[in-house]
Amino acid sequence: MRRMTRAQRAEQWNNDYDTLVRALPPGLYTGEDVRNAIDPFIGEPHHPNCWGAAFRRALSNVRSFRPLLRTRPMRSPTSHGRRTRLYRKVR
C-alpha cells in the first residue's frame, strides 16, 4: 500500500468534511457545532485553520446553510466565550 502525501491527506479530509456536512440534519448550527459533530469521524486536519476554511467553503458550496441575524457564545474553552454567528441548515 502506498503512503499518502500530505496534499492527498488534506484532499481526503476536505472531501470527507464536505460529505459529512451534507449529511447533517436540518437545524441551527455554528461553525463550532459543525466541527464538534464531524471531528469524531474524520479527526483533526493537518492545520487548525482548516476547520474555518472548510466551514466557509461549505457555506458557499453546499448552499444549505442560511445565515441568521443571531449569535451565541462559543462553547470551547479556548474560544473564551466569544460570540459566533448562527446558521440554519435547511437541507
Protein backbone atom coordinates (compact mmCIF):
# COMPACT_ATOMS: atom_id res chain seq x y z
CA MET A 1 0.00 0.00 0.00
CA ARG A 2 1.34 3.43 -0.95
CA ARG A 3 1.63 6.17 1.62
CA MET A 4 -0.50 9.23 1.05
CA THR A 5 1.22 12.55 0.63
CA ARG A 6 0.26 15.49 2.82
CA ALA A 7 -1.69 17.02 -0.08
CA GLN A 8 -3.57 13.75 -0.65
CA ARG A 9 -4.44 13.51 3.05
CA ALA A 10 -5.66 17.13 3.03
CA GLU A 11 -7.76 16.49 -0.06
CA GLN A 12 -9.26 13.35 1.50
CA TRP A 13 -10.01 15.24 4.74
CA ASN A 14 -11.76 18.02 2.76
CA ASN A 15 -13.81 15.50 0.77
CA ASP A 16 -14.85 13.69 3.96
CA TYR A 17 -15.77 17.02 5.60
CA ASP A 18 -17.97 18.02 2.65
CA THR A 19 -19.72 14.64 2.65
CA LEU A 20 -20.43 14.77 6.39
CA VAL A 21 -21.68 18.39 6.26
CA ARG A 22 -24.26 17.36 3.67
CA ALA A 23 -25.37 14.51 5.96
CA LEU A 24 -26.04 16.76 8.97
CA PRO A 25 -29.74 17.02 9.83
CA PRO A 26 -31.54 20.36 9.48
CA GLY A 27 -31.25 22.66 12.47
CA LEU A 28 -29.30 25.56 13.96
CA TYR A 29 -25.50 25.38 13.77
CA THR A 30 -22.38 27.41 14.27
CA GLY A 31 -19.04 26.54 12.72
CA GLU A 32 -18.05 25.18 16.12
CA ASP A 33 -21.13 22.92 16.23
CA VAL A 34 -20.30 21.50 12.80
CA ARG A 35 -16.72 20.89 13.90
CA ASN A 36 -17.83 19.08 17.06
CA ALA A 37 -20.25 16.90 15.08
CA ILE A 38 -17.73 15.96 12.40
CA ASP A 39 -14.44 15.71 14.33
CA PRO A 40 -15.08 12.21 15.76
CA PHE A 41 -15.48 10.84 12.21
CA ILE A 42 -12.58 12.49 10.37
CA GLY A 43 -10.23 13.67 13.11
CA GLU A 44 -8.13 16.80 13.14
CA PRO A 45 -6.93 18.35 9.86
CA HIS A 46 -3.26 18.99 9.18
CA HIS A 47 -3.67 22.59 10.42
CA PRO A 48 -6.25 24.05 12.86
CA ASN A 49 -7.20 26.84 10.42
CA CYS A 50 -8.60 24.19 8.07
CA TRP A 51 -11.76 23.97 10.19
CA GLY A 52 -12.72 27.57 9.47
CA ALA A 53 -11.78 27.34 5.81
CA ALA A 54 -13.80 24.15 5.38
CA PHE A 55 -16.87 25.70 7.02
CA ARG A 56 -16.60 28.82 4.83
CA ARG A 57 -16.36 26.55 1.79
CA ALA A 58 -19.45 24.65 2.96
CA LEU A 59 -21.35 27.92 3.31
CA SER A 60 -20.61 28.86 -0.28
CA ASN A 61 -20.67 25.43 -1.96
CA VAL A 62 -23.36 23.46 -0.19
CA ARG A 63 -25.79 26.41 -0.02
CA SER A 64 -27.88 24.57 2.51
CA PHE A 65 -26.90 26.94 5.34
CA ARG A 66 -28.74 30.24 5.75
CA PRO A 67 -27.15 32.91 7.96
CA LEU A 68 -29.31 34.24 10.77
CA LEU A 69 -29.08 37.62 12.43
CA ARG A 70 -28.35 35.88 15.74
CA THR A 71 -25.17 34.98 17.56
CA ARG A 72 -24.32 32.91 20.60
CA PRO A 73 -21.21 32.41 22.73
CA MET A 74 -18.83 29.69 21.61
CA ARG A 75 -18.54 26.74 23.97
CA SER A 76 -14.90 25.73 23.59
CA PRO A 77 -12.72 26.93 26.49
CA THR A 78 -10.07 28.15 24.05
CA SER A 79 -12.66 30.40 22.37
CA HIS A 80 -13.19 32.32 25.63
CA GLY A 81 -16.93 32.66 25.03
CA ARG A 82 -16.63 34.95 22.02
CA ARG A 83 -19.81 35.32 20.01
CA THR A 84 -20.27 33.48 16.74
CA ARG A 85 -22.95 33.61 14.09
CA LEU A 86 -25.78 31.06 13.89
CA TYR A 87 -26.78 29.38 10.63
CA ARG A 88 -29.87 27.36 9.79
CA LYS A 89 -29.26 24.17 7.82
CA VAL A 90 -32.29 23.75 5.61
CA ARG A 91 -31.48 20.59 3.67
